Amino acid sequence: MNDSQKFKKHLDTLIHCRLCPDMVGKPVHGGIPGAKIMSIGQAPGIHEEKFGRPFAYTAGKTLFKWFSSIGIEEEIYRSKVNMAAVCRCFPGKAKSGDRKPNPFEVENCSKFMRFEVEFNRPELIIPIGKLAIDQLVENKKYKLDEVIGKKFKKNFYGVEIDWIPLPHPSGLNVWNHTQEGKILIAKSLDLIRKHPSIKREFFSKK
């Protein structure tokens, strides 16, 4: 089996996964074989399954507005970045916002992220939102202003990566609208723009 067939088999296994009984709907993916940049979302929202891709609704509009501010347009981003997530299915609604996936669900879905990291060997990971950042940060008792606007290094599933976090672009995330939040989001985006893998994929003249 060649690499293309291996990734296709991985995606086929992913979209047919039904391991978590409390998840709603079918898995959503933005898998790109060979991508050296990876983003990790938290989980799809209620509309993503209908569109068949991550960040396809309101939060996505904010996310891609951020990327557009550094010269990266949505469709080009989607064609070059492996868009993963901590959980690939919609968790359902909670009293305010979407339900947070439980540890059992995160563990079940981690094999898909692991495969994509080991297969693609990304140079840069962009975790988006606290649940995604939790997968990379050592000390889970952090505040957003301690991680947003900074670049980190980590050995992740045996691959040496840089990671630059962004907060979740949900309209419910009040922190994004604070003065400090806006400044730190801009710093993270500037670090992303200057990363060698981003320069190569998005800004080099080939």
N, C-alpha and C. Protein backbone atom coordinates (compact mmCIF):
# COMPACT_ATOMS: atom_id res chain seq x y z
N MET A 1 0.85 -1.20 0.00
CA MET A 1 0.00 0.00 0.00
C MET A 1 0.89 1.25 0.00
N ASN A 2 0.69 2.15 -0.98
CA ASN A 2 1.50 3.37 -1.02
C ASN A 2 0.92 4.42 -0.06
N ASP A 3 1.66 5.56 0.05
CA ASP A 3 1.26 6.59 1.01
C ASP A 3 -0.13 7.14 0.73
N SER A 4 -0.43 7.35 -0.54
CA SER A 4 -1.74 7.88 -0.91
C SER A 4 -2.86 6.94 -0.47
N GLN A 5 -2.64 5.66 -0.66
CA GLN A 5 -3.65 4.66 -0.26
C GLN A 5 -3.78 4.57 1.26
N LYS A 6 -2.65 4.73 1.96
CA LYS A 6 -2.68 4.69 3.43
C LYS A 6 -3.51 5.84 3.98
N PHE A 7 -3.32 7.05 3.42
CA PHE A 7 -4.06 8.21 3.92
C PHE A 7 -5.54 8.07 3.57
N LYS A 8 -5.83 7.55 2.39
CA LYS A 8 -7.22 7.35 1.96
C LYS A 8 -7.91 6.34 2.90
N LYS A 9 -7.19 5.28 3.26
CA LYS A 9 -7.75 4.29 4.18
C LYS A 9 -8.01 4.92 5.55
N HIS A 10 -7.06 5.77 6.00
CA HIS A 10 -7.23 6.48 7.27
C HIS A 10 -8.51 7.33 7.25
N LEU A 11 -8.71 8.09 6.18
CA LEU A 11 -9.90 8.95 6.10
C LEU A 11 -11.17 8.12 6.02
N ASP A 12 -11.11 7.00 5.34
CA ASP A 12 -12.27 6.12 5.25
C ASP A 12 -12.64 5.57 6.63
N THR A 13 -11.62 5.17 7.40
CA THR A 13 -11.85 4.68 8.77
C THR A 13 -12.43 5.79 9.64
N LEU A 14 -11.89 7.00 9.48
CA LEU A 14 -12.33 8.15 10.28
C LEU A 14 -13.81 8.46 10.02
N ILE A 15 -14.20 8.57 8.75
CA ILE A 15 -15.57 9.01 8.46
C ILE A 15 -16.61 7.93 8.79
N HIS A 16 -16.16 6.69 8.96
CA HIS A 16 -17.09 5.62 9.33
C HIS A 16 -17.05 5.30 10.83
N CYS A 17 -16.26 6.06 11.60
CA CYS A 17 -16.13 5.79 13.04
C CYS A 17 -17.44 6.13 13.76
N ARG A 18 -17.86 5.22 14.65
CA ARG A 18 -19.07 5.44 15.46
C ARG A 18 -18.81 4.97 16.90
N LEU A 19 -17.60 5.21 17.39
CA LEU A 19 -17.21 4.68 18.70
C LEU A 19 -17.88 5.39 19.88
N CYS A 20 -18.29 6.65 19.69
CA CYS A 20 -18.78 7.45 20.82
C CYS A 20 -20.29 7.65 20.73
N PRO A 21 -21.06 6.95 21.57
CA PRO A 21 -22.53 6.96 21.44
C PRO A 21 -23.18 8.32 21.70
N ASP A 22 -22.51 9.20 22.46
CA ASP A 22 -23.12 10.49 22.76
C ASP A 22 -22.81 11.57 21.73
N MET A 23 -21.93 11.26 20.78
CA MET A 23 -21.65 12.22 19.72
C MET A 23 -22.83 12.28 18.76
N VAL A 24 -23.00 13.44 18.13
CA VAL A 24 -24.15 13.66 17.25
C VAL A 24 -23.66 13.71 15.80
N GLY A 25 -24.30 12.96 14.93
CA GLY A 25 -23.94 13.02 13.51
C GLY A 25 -22.68 12.27 13.17
N LYS A 26 -22.17 12.55 11.99
CA LYS A 26 -21.01 11.81 11.46
C LYS A 26 -19.74 12.65 11.54
N PRO A 27 -18.57 11.98 11.51
CA PRO A 27 -17.30 12.72 11.59
C PRO A 27 -17.10 13.68 10.43
N VAL A 28 -16.36 14.74 10.73
CA VAL A 28 -15.99 15.76 9.74
C VAL A 28 -14.47 15.82 9.70
N HIS A 29 -13.88 15.97 8.52
CA HIS A 29 -12.41 16.06 8.48
C HIS A 29 -11.97 17.09 7.45
N GLY A 30 -10.73 17.54 7.63
CA GLY A 30 -10.08 18.42 6.65
C GLY A 30 -8.69 17.89 6.38
N GLY A 31 -8.60 16.58 6.21
CA GLY A 31 -7.30 15.92 6.06
C GLY A 31 -6.64 16.21 4.72
N ILE A 32 -5.36 16.58 4.77
CA ILE A 32 -4.56 16.83 3.56
C ILE A 32 -3.28 16.00 3.67
N PRO A 33 -3.13 14.96 2.85
CA PRO A 33 -1.90 14.15 2.94
C PRO A 33 -0.67 14.96 2.56
N GLY A 34 0.39 14.81 3.37
CA GLY A 34 1.66 15.48 3.08
C GLY A 34 1.76 16.90 3.57
N ALA A 35 0.69 17.45 4.18
CA ALA A 35 0.71 18.84 4.63
C ALA A 35 1.70 19.01 5.79
N LYS A 36 2.54 20.02 5.70
CA LYS A 36 3.53 20.28 6.76
C LYS A 36 3.03 21.29 7.79
N ILE A 37 1.81 21.75 7.60
CA ILE A 37 1.15 22.62 8.58
C ILE A 37 -0.14 21.93 8.99
N MET A 38 -0.41 21.92 10.29
CA MET A 38 -1.60 21.26 10.81
C MET A 38 -2.30 22.21 11.77
N SER A 39 -3.60 22.32 11.65
CA SER A 39 -4.35 23.03 12.68
C SER A 39 -5.20 22.00 13.43
N ILE A 40 -5.43 22.27 14.70
CA ILE A 40 -6.25 21.38 15.53
C ILE A 40 -7.40 22.20 16.11
N GLY A 41 -8.61 21.88 15.70
CA GLY A 41 -9.77 22.50 16.29
C GLY A 41 -10.22 21.71 17.52
N GLN A 42 -11.31 22.14 18.12
CA GLN A 42 -11.82 21.43 19.30
C GLN A 42 -12.73 20.28 18.84
N ALA A 43 -13.83 20.62 18.17
CA ALA A 43 -14.77 19.65 17.60
C ALA A 43 -15.67 20.42 16.65
N PRO A 44 -16.27 19.75 15.67
CA PRO A 44 -17.17 20.45 14.75
C PRO A 44 -18.37 21.03 15.50
N GLY A 45 -18.94 22.10 14.95
CA GLY A 45 -20.19 22.63 15.46
C GLY A 45 -21.37 21.93 14.81
N ILE A 46 -22.55 22.40 15.10
CA ILE A 46 -23.77 21.74 14.62
C ILE A 46 -23.93 21.80 13.10
N HIS A 47 -23.30 22.78 12.44
CA HIS A 47 -23.49 22.96 10.99
C HIS A 47 -22.40 22.30 10.14
N GLU A 48 -21.28 21.92 10.76
CA GLU A 48 -20.12 21.47 9.97
C GLU A 48 -20.38 20.19 9.18
N GLU A 49 -21.16 19.26 9.75
CA GLU A 49 -21.42 18.01 9.02
C GLU A 49 -22.14 18.29 7.70
N LYS A 50 -23.08 19.24 7.73
CA LYS A 50 -23.83 19.59 6.52
C LYS A 50 -22.90 20.10 5.41
N PHE A 51 -21.88 20.87 5.81
CA PHE A 51 -20.94 21.42 4.82
C PHE A 51 -19.77 20.47 4.54
N GLY A 52 -19.58 19.50 5.43
CA GLY A 52 -18.55 18.49 5.21
C GLY A 52 -17.13 18.97 5.39
N ARG A 53 -16.94 20.03 6.19
CA ARG A 53 -15.58 20.48 6.45
C ARG A 53 -15.55 21.30 7.74
N PRO A 54 -14.38 21.33 8.40
CA PRO A 54 -14.26 22.05 9.67
C PRO A 54 -14.38 23.57 9.50
N PHE A 55 -14.78 24.23 10.58
CA PHE A 55 -14.86 25.69 10.61
C PHE A 55 -15.61 26.24 9.39
N ALA A 56 -16.79 25.68 9.14
CA ALA A 56 -17.55 26.06 7.95
C ALA A 56 -18.69 27.03 8.27
N TYR A 57 -18.80 27.46 9.54
CA TYR A 57 -19.92 28.33 9.89
C TYR A 57 -19.42 29.59 10.59
N THR A 58 -20.12 30.07 11.60
CA THR A 58 -19.83 31.39 12.19
C THR A 58 -18.42 31.51 12.73
N ALA A 59 -17.97 30.52 13.54
CA ALA A 59 -16.61 30.59 14.09
C ALA A 59 -15.58 30.58 12.97
N GLY A 60 -15.88 29.85 11.90
CA GLY A 60 -14.97 29.80 10.76
C GLY A 60 -14.81 31.15 10.09
N LYS A 61 -15.90 31.92 10.05
CA LYS A 61 -15.81 33.26 9.45
C LYS A 61 -14.81 34.13 10.21
N THR A 62 -14.86 34.03 11.54
CA THR A 62 -13.91 34.79 12.35
C THR A 62 -12.49 34.26 12.16
N LEU A 63 -12.34 32.93 12.18
CA LEU A 63 -11.02 32.33 12.01
C LEU A 63 -10.38 32.76 10.70
N PHE A 64 -11.14 32.68 9.61
CA PHE A 64 -10.56 33.00 8.31
C PHE A 64 -10.41 34.51 8.09
N LYS A 65 -11.15 35.29 8.87
CA LYS A 65 -10.90 36.74 8.88
C LYS A 65 -9.53 37.01 9.51
N TRP A 66 -9.22 36.26 10.58
CA TRP A 66 -7.89 36.39 11.21
C TRP A 66 -6.80 36.04 10.20
N PHE A 67 -6.95 34.89 9.52
CA PHE A 67 -5.91 34.46 8.58
C PHE A 67 -5.83 35.41 7.38
N SER A 68 -6.96 35.93 6.95
CA SER A 68 -6.96 36.89 5.84
C SER A 68 -6.16 38.14 6.20
N SER A 69 -6.16 38.50 7.49
CA SER A 69 -5.42 39.69 7.94
C SER A 69 -3.91 39.54 7.78
N ILE A 70 -3.44 38.28 7.64
CA ILE A 70 -2.00 38.06 7.40
C ILE A 70 -1.75 37.53 5.99
N GLY A 71 -2.75 37.70 5.12
CA GLY A 71 -2.55 37.38 3.71
C GLY A 71 -2.83 35.95 3.31
N ILE A 72 -3.56 35.20 4.16
CA ILE A 72 -3.88 33.80 3.85
C ILE A 72 -5.39 33.66 3.66
N GLU A 73 -5.80 33.35 2.43
CA GLU A 73 -7.22 33.23 2.14
C GLU A 73 -7.74 31.82 2.42
N GLU A 74 -9.03 31.75 2.71
CA GLU A 74 -9.63 30.51 3.22
C GLU A 74 -9.38 29.30 2.33
N GLU A 75 -9.71 29.37 1.06
CA GLU A 75 -9.62 28.17 0.22
C GLU A 75 -8.18 27.71 0.03
N ILE A 76 -7.25 28.66 0.00
CA ILE A 76 -5.83 28.29 -0.10
C ILE A 76 -5.39 27.62 1.19
N TYR A 77 -5.83 28.18 2.33
CA TYR A 77 -5.54 27.56 3.63
C TYR A 77 -6.05 26.12 3.66
N ARG A 78 -7.30 25.93 3.25
CA ARG A 78 -7.89 24.59 3.29
C ARG A 78 -7.17 23.60 2.38
N SER A 79 -6.53 24.11 1.32
CA SER A 79 -5.84 23.22 0.38
C SER A 79 -4.44 22.85 0.84
N LYS A 80 -3.91 23.61 1.83
CA LYS A 80 -2.52 23.40 2.23
C LYS A 80 -2.34 22.96 3.68
N VAL A 81 -3.38 23.13 4.51
CA VAL A 81 -3.27 22.85 5.94
C VAL A 81 -4.13 21.63 6.29
N ASN A 82 -3.52 20.68 6.98
CA ASN A 82 -4.27 19.52 7.46
C ASN A 82 -5.11 19.96 8.66
N MET A 83 -6.42 20.07 8.45
CA MET A 83 -7.31 20.59 9.49
C MET A 83 -7.85 19.43 10.34
N ALA A 84 -7.19 19.21 11.46
CA ALA A 84 -7.57 18.14 12.38
C ALA A 84 -8.45 18.73 13.49
N ALA A 85 -8.83 17.88 14.44
CA ALA A 85 -9.59 18.34 15.60
C ALA A 85 -9.41 17.32 16.72
N VAL A 86 -9.59 17.78 17.94
CA VAL A 86 -9.49 16.88 19.09
C VAL A 86 -10.56 15.79 18.95
N CYS A 87 -11.78 16.18 18.61
CA CYS A 87 -12.85 15.24 18.30
C CYS A 87 -13.44 15.61 16.94
N ARG A 88 -13.76 14.61 16.14
CA ARG A 88 -14.18 14.88 14.76
C ARG A 88 -15.70 14.90 14.58
N CYS A 89 -16.46 14.65 15.64
CA CYS A 89 -17.92 14.68 15.57
C CYS A 89 -18.47 15.81 16.44
N PHE A 90 -19.67 16.27 16.11
CA PHE A 90 -20.34 17.29 16.91
C PHE A 90 -20.78 16.68 18.24
N PRO A 91 -20.34 17.26 19.38
CA PRO A 91 -20.64 16.66 20.69
C PRO A 91 -22.09 16.87 21.16
N GLY A 92 -22.83 17.76 20.49
CA GLY A 92 -24.17 18.10 20.96
C GLY A 92 -24.16 19.39 21.75
N LYS A 93 -25.34 19.86 22.09
CA LYS A 93 -25.47 21.14 22.77
C LYS A 93 -25.41 20.98 24.29
N ALA A 94 -24.89 22.01 24.95
CA ALA A 94 -24.93 22.12 26.41
C ALA A 94 -25.80 23.33 26.74
N LYS A 95 -25.88 23.69 28.03
CA LYS A 95 -26.72 24.83 28.42
C LYS A 95 -26.27 26.12 27.74
N SER A 96 -24.96 26.31 27.67
CA SER A 96 -24.45 27.46 26.93
C SER A 96 -23.39 26.96 25.95
N GLY A 97 -23.69 27.05 24.68
CA GLY A 97 -22.74 26.58 23.67
C GLY A 97 -22.80 25.09 23.45
N ASP A 98 -21.71 24.54 22.92
CA ASP A 98 -21.64 23.11 22.63
C ASP A 98 -21.09 22.34 23.82
N ARG A 99 -21.49 21.07 23.92
CA ARG A 99 -21.00 20.21 25.00
C ARG A 99 -19.50 19.97 24.82
N LYS A 100 -18.77 20.00 25.92
CA LYS A 100 -17.34 19.69 25.88
C LYS A 100 -17.15 18.18 25.81
N PRO A 101 -16.40 17.68 24.84
CA PRO A 101 -16.15 16.23 24.77
C PRO A 101 -15.52 15.72 26.05
N ASN A 102 -15.90 14.51 26.46
CA ASN A 102 -15.34 13.93 27.69
C ASN A 102 -14.03 13.21 27.39
N PRO A 103 -13.26 12.86 28.43
CA PRO A 103 -11.95 12.22 28.22
C PRO A 103 -12.02 10.94 27.40
N PHE A 104 -13.09 10.15 27.55
CA PHE A 104 -13.28 8.92 26.79
C PHE A 104 -13.37 9.24 25.29
N GLU A 105 -14.11 10.28 24.96
CA GLU A 105 -14.27 10.67 23.55
C GLU A 105 -12.98 11.23 22.98
N VAL A 106 -12.27 12.03 23.78
CA VAL A 106 -10.98 12.58 23.34
C VAL A 106 -9.99 11.44 23.07
N GLU A 107 -9.96 10.47 23.96
CA GLU A 107 -9.06 9.33 23.81
C GLU A 107 -9.41 8.51 22.57
N ASN A 108 -10.70 8.26 22.36
CA ASN A 108 -11.13 7.50 21.18
C ASN A 108 -10.67 8.16 19.89
N CYS A 109 -10.74 9.48 19.85
CA CYS A 109 -10.45 10.21 18.61
C CYS A 109 -8.96 10.49 18.44
N SER A 110 -8.18 10.32 19.50
CA SER A 110 -6.75 10.69 19.45
C SER A 110 -5.97 9.86 18.43
N LYS A 111 -6.46 8.66 18.12
CA LYS A 111 -5.73 7.81 17.17
C LYS A 111 -5.69 8.44 15.77
N PHE A 112 -6.74 9.22 15.45
CA PHE A 112 -6.77 9.87 14.14
C PHE A 112 -5.75 11.02 14.07
N MET A 113 -5.67 11.78 15.15
CA MET A 113 -4.68 12.85 15.19
C MET A 113 -3.27 12.26 15.18
N ARG A 114 -3.09 11.20 15.94
CA ARG A 114 -1.76 10.57 15.99
C ARG A 114 -1.33 10.11 14.60
N PHE A 115 -2.24 9.47 13.88
CA PHE A 115 -1.90 9.01 12.53
C PHE A 115 -1.46 10.19 11.66
N GLU A 116 -2.23 11.29 11.71
CA GLU A 116 -1.95 12.44 10.84
C GLU A 116 -0.63 13.11 11.20
N VAL A 117 -0.29 13.13 12.49
CA VAL A 117 1.01 13.68 12.90
C VAL A 117 2.13 12.76 12.43
N GLU A 118 2.00 11.46 12.67
CA GLU A 118 3.07 10.52 12.30
C GLU A 118 3.21 10.42 10.78
N PHE A 119 2.10 10.49 10.06
CA PHE A 119 2.13 10.35 8.60
C PHE A 119 2.68 11.60 7.93
N ASN A 120 2.16 12.77 8.31
CA ASN A 120 2.56 14.02 7.65
C ASN A 120 3.83 14.65 8.22
N ARG A 121 4.14 14.33 9.48
CA ARG A 121 5.28 14.92 10.16
C ARG A 121 5.29 16.45 10.00
N PRO A 122 4.26 17.12 10.53
CA PRO A 122 4.15 18.57 10.35
C PRO A 122 5.28 19.32 11.05
N GLU A 123 5.57 20.51 10.53
CA GLU A 123 6.58 21.39 11.13
C GLU A 123 5.93 22.39 12.08
N LEU A 124 4.68 22.73 11.79
CA LEU A 124 3.94 23.72 12.58
C LEU A 124 2.54 23.20 12.88
N ILE A 125 2.14 23.31 14.15
CA ILE A 125 0.76 22.99 14.54
C ILE A 125 0.13 24.24 15.13
N ILE A 126 -1.09 24.52 14.70
CA ILE A 126 -1.85 25.66 15.22
C ILE A 126 -3.06 25.12 15.97
N PRO A 127 -2.97 24.99 17.31
CA PRO A 127 -4.14 24.56 18.07
C PRO A 127 -5.10 25.74 18.27
N ILE A 128 -6.38 25.50 18.03
CA ILE A 128 -7.37 26.57 18.05
C ILE A 128 -8.39 26.27 19.14
N GLY A 129 -8.31 27.02 20.25
CA GLY A 129 -9.22 26.79 21.36
C GLY A 129 -8.58 25.99 22.48
N LYS A 130 -9.13 26.11 23.66
CA LYS A 130 -8.51 25.56 24.86
C LYS A 130 -8.37 24.03 24.82
N LEU A 131 -9.40 23.34 24.35
CA LEU A 131 -9.33 21.87 24.31
C LEU A 131 -8.19 21.41 23.40
N ALA A 132 -7.98 22.14 22.29
CA ALA A 132 -6.88 21.81 21.39
C ALA A 132 -5.53 22.16 22.01
N ILE A 133 -5.46 23.33 22.64
CA ILE A 133 -4.22 23.74 23.30
C ILE A 133 -3.85 22.75 24.41
N ASP A 134 -4.87 22.22 25.09
CA ASP A 134 -4.64 21.24 26.17
C ASP A 134 -3.86 20.02 25.69
N GLN A 135 -3.99 19.68 24.42
CA GLN A 135 -3.30 18.49 23.89
C GLN A 135 -1.79 18.71 23.77
N LEU A 136 -1.38 19.98 23.79
CA LEU A 136 0.03 20.30 23.56
C LEU A 136 0.74 20.90 24.76
N VAL A 137 -0.02 21.58 25.62
CA VAL A 137 0.61 22.28 26.74
C VAL A 137 0.87 21.31 27.89
N GLU A 138 1.96 21.53 28.61
CA GLU A 138 2.30 20.63 29.72
C GLU A 138 1.44 20.92 30.95
N ASN A 139 1.41 22.19 31.35
CA ASN A 139 0.65 22.58 32.53
C ASN A 139 -0.75 23.01 32.12
N LYS A 140 -1.74 22.19 32.47
CA LYS A 140 -3.11 22.45 32.02
C LYS A 140 -3.77 23.63 32.76
N LYS A 141 -3.13 24.12 33.81
CA LYS A 141 -3.73 25.21 34.60
C LYS A 141 -3.25 26.58 34.09
N TYR A 142 -3.35 26.77 32.81
CA TYR A 142 -2.88 28.02 32.22
C TYR A 142 -4.07 28.94 31.93
N LYS A 143 -3.75 30.20 31.73
CA LYS A 143 -4.74 31.16 31.24
C LYS A 143 -4.37 31.51 29.80
N LEU A 144 -5.35 31.93 29.02
CA LEU A 144 -5.10 32.23 27.61
C LEU A 144 -3.97 33.24 27.43
N ASP A 145 -3.91 34.25 28.32
CA ASP A 145 -2.88 35.28 28.13
C ASP A 145 -1.47 34.77 28.43
N GLU A 146 -1.36 33.53 28.92
CA GLU A 146 -0.04 32.93 29.16
C GLU A 146 0.46 32.13 27.96
N VAL A 147 -0.44 31.84 27.00
CA VAL A 147 -0.03 31.02 25.85
C VAL A 147 -0.26 31.71 24.50
N ILE A 148 -1.34 32.49 24.39
CA ILE A 148 -1.60 33.17 23.11
C ILE A 148 -0.54 34.25 22.90
N GLY A 149 -0.07 34.36 21.67
CA GLY A 149 0.97 35.35 21.35
C GLY A 149 2.37 34.80 21.52
N LYS A 150 2.50 33.48 21.74
CA LYS A 150 3.82 32.86 21.93
C LYS A 150 3.98 31.64 21.02
N LYS A 151 5.24 31.29 20.79
CA LYS A 151 5.57 30.09 20.01
C LYS A 151 6.25 29.08 20.94
N PHE A 152 5.89 27.82 20.80
CA PHE A 152 6.43 26.75 21.65
C PHE A 152 6.99 25.63 20.78
N LYS A 153 7.82 24.79 21.39
CA LYS A 153 8.34 23.60 20.73
C LYS A 153 7.91 22.37 21.53
N LYS A 154 7.71 21.26 20.82
CA LYS A 154 7.29 20.05 21.51
C LYS A 154 7.60 18.83 20.65
N ASN A 155 7.87 17.71 21.32
CA ASN A 155 7.90 16.42 20.63
C ASN A 155 6.49 15.85 20.76
N PHE A 156 5.79 15.79 19.66
CA PHE A 156 4.37 15.40 19.65
C PHE A 156 4.23 14.13 18.82
N TYR A 157 3.90 13.04 19.49
CA TYR A 157 3.82 11.72 18.83
C TYR A 157 5.10 11.40 18.06
N GLY A 158 6.24 11.75 18.67
CA GLY A 158 7.53 11.42 18.07
C GLY A 158 8.01 12.39 17.01
N VAL A 159 7.29 13.49 16.80
CA VAL A 159 7.67 14.46 15.78
C VAL A 159 7.97 15.80 16.46
N GLU A 160 9.14 16.38 16.13
CA GLU A 160 9.51 17.69 16.69
C GLU A 160 8.75 18.79 15.95
N ILE A 161 7.92 19.50 16.67
CA ILE A 161 7.08 20.52 16.02
C ILE A 161 7.18 21.86 16.75
N ASP A 162 6.89 22.94 16.01
CA ASP A 162 6.59 24.23 16.63
C ASP A 162 5.07 24.29 16.76
N TRP A 163 4.60 24.96 17.81
CA TRP A 163 3.16 25.19 17.88
C TRP A 163 2.86 26.60 18.34
N ILE A 164 1.89 27.21 17.67
CA ILE A 164 1.50 28.59 17.95
C ILE A 164 -0.02 28.58 18.13
N PRO A 165 -0.49 28.83 19.35
CA PRO A 165 -1.93 28.69 19.60
C PRO A 165 -2.75 29.94 19.28
N LEU A 166 -4.01 29.68 18.97
CA LEU A 166 -5.01 30.73 18.82
C LEU A 166 -6.18 30.41 19.74
N PRO A 167 -6.90 31.41 20.25
CA PRO A 167 -8.09 31.14 21.04
C PRO A 167 -9.21 30.65 20.13
N HIS A 168 -10.26 30.07 20.71
CA HIS A 168 -11.36 29.65 19.86
C HIS A 168 -12.07 30.89 19.31
N PRO A 169 -12.38 30.90 18.00
CA PRO A 169 -12.99 32.10 17.41
C PRO A 169 -14.50 32.21 17.61
N SER A 170 -15.03 31.45 18.54
CA SER A 170 -16.47 31.52 18.82
C SER A 170 -16.87 32.91 19.32
N GLY A 171 -18.07 33.33 18.95
CA GLY A 171 -18.59 34.61 19.44
C GLY A 171 -18.84 34.59 20.93
N LEU A 172 -18.89 33.38 21.53
CA LEU A 172 -19.10 33.25 22.97
C LEU A 172 -17.82 33.50 23.76
N ASN A 173 -16.68 33.54 23.06
CA ASN A 173 -15.40 33.72 23.74
C ASN A 173 -15.15 35.21 23.98
N VAL A 174 -15.53 35.68 25.16
CA VAL A 174 -15.44 37.11 25.50
C VAL A 174 -13.99 37.60 25.47
N TRP A 175 -13.05 36.73 25.85
CA TRP A 175 -11.62 37.11 25.93
C TRP A 175 -11.12 37.69 24.61
N ASN A 176 -11.62 37.16 23.49
CA ASN A 176 -11.16 37.63 22.17
C ASN A 176 -11.41 39.11 21.96
N HIS A 177 -12.41 39.66 22.64
CA HIS A 177 -12.81 41.05 22.41
C HIS A 177 -12.19 42.03 23.41
N THR A 178 -11.42 41.49 24.36
CA THR A 178 -10.72 42.37 25.29
C THR A 178 -9.53 43.01 24.59
N GLN A 179 -9.05 44.11 25.13
CA GLN A 179 -7.89 44.78 24.53
C GLN A 179 -6.68 43.85 24.52
N GLU A 180 -6.45 43.17 25.65
CA GLU A 180 -5.32 42.24 25.73
C GLU A 180 -5.49 41.09 24.74
N GLY A 181 -6.71 40.56 24.66
CA GLY A 181 -6.98 39.47 23.74
C GLY A 181 -6.66 39.85 22.30
N LYS A 182 -7.11 41.02 21.88
CA LYS A 182 -6.86 41.48 20.51
C LYS A 182 -5.37 41.61 20.23
N ILE A 183 -4.63 42.15 21.20
CA ILE A 183 -3.18 42.34 21.03
C ILE A 183 -2.48 40.98 20.90
N LEU A 184 -2.86 40.02 21.77
CA LEU A 184 -2.19 38.72 21.78
C LEU A 184 -2.58 37.87 20.56
N ILE A 185 -3.82 37.98 20.10
CA ILE A 185 -4.22 37.28 18.87
C ILE A 185 -3.38 37.80 17.70
N ALA A 186 -3.22 39.12 17.63
CA ALA A 186 -2.40 39.72 16.56
C ALA A 186 -0.95 39.22 16.63
N LYS A 187 -0.42 39.04 17.87
CA LYS A 187 0.95 38.53 18.03
C LYS A 187 1.05 37.09 17.52
N SER A 188 0.05 36.26 17.88
CA SER A 188 0.06 34.88 17.40
C SER A 188 0.01 34.83 15.88
N LEU A 189 -0.85 35.64 15.29
CA LEU A 189 -0.98 35.65 13.84
C LEU A 189 0.32 36.12 13.17
N ASP A 190 1.00 37.06 13.79
CA ASP A 190 2.28 37.52 13.24
C ASP A 190 3.34 36.42 13.32
N LEU A 191 3.34 35.67 14.44
CA LEU A 191 4.27 34.54 14.57
C LEU A 191 3.96 33.46 13.52
N ILE A 192 2.68 33.22 13.29
CA ILE A 192 2.28 32.25 12.26
C ILE A 192 2.76 32.72 10.89
N ARG A 193 2.52 33.98 10.58
CA ARG A 193 2.91 34.53 9.28
C ARG A 193 4.41 34.41 9.03
N LYS A 194 5.21 34.56 10.10
CA LYS A 194 6.67 34.55 9.96
C LYS A 194 7.27 33.14 10.02
N HIS A 195 6.46 32.13 10.32
CA HIS A 195 7.01 30.78 10.46
C HIS A 195 7.50 30.28 9.10
N PRO A 196 8.66 29.62 9.06
CA PRO A 196 9.22 29.17 7.78
C PRO A 196 8.27 28.32 6.94
N SER A 197 7.50 27.45 7.57
CA SER A 197 6.59 26.59 6.80
C SER A 197 5.46 27.41 6.17
N ILE A 198 4.99 28.44 6.87
CA ILE A 198 3.96 29.32 6.32
C ILE A 198 4.52 30.13 5.16
N LYS A 199 5.72 30.68 5.36
CA LYS A 199 6.37 31.45 4.28
C LYS A 199 6.53 30.60 3.02
N ARG A 200 6.97 29.35 3.23
CA ARG A 200 7.21 28.47 2.09
C ARG A 200 5.90 28.11 1.37
N GLU A 201 4.87 27.76 2.14
CA GLU A 201 3.63 27.27 1.55
C GLU A 201 2.76 28.38 0.96
N PHE A 202 2.78 29.55 1.58
CA PHE A 202 1.84 30.59 1.20
C PHE A 202 2.47 31.80 0.49
N PHE A 203 3.74 32.04 0.74
CA PHE A 203 4.30 33.30 0.25
C PHE A 203 5.51 33.16 -0.65
N SER A 204 6.01 31.94 -0.86
CA SER A 204 7.18 31.78 -1.75
C SER A 204 6.71 31.78 -3.21
N LYS A 205 7.53 32.34 -4.06
CA LYS A 205 7.21 32.34 -5.49
C LYS A 205 7.80 31.07 -6.12
N LYS A 206 6.89 30.17 -6.47
CA LYS A 206 7.36 28.88 -7.00
C LYS A 206 7.43 28.91 -8.53
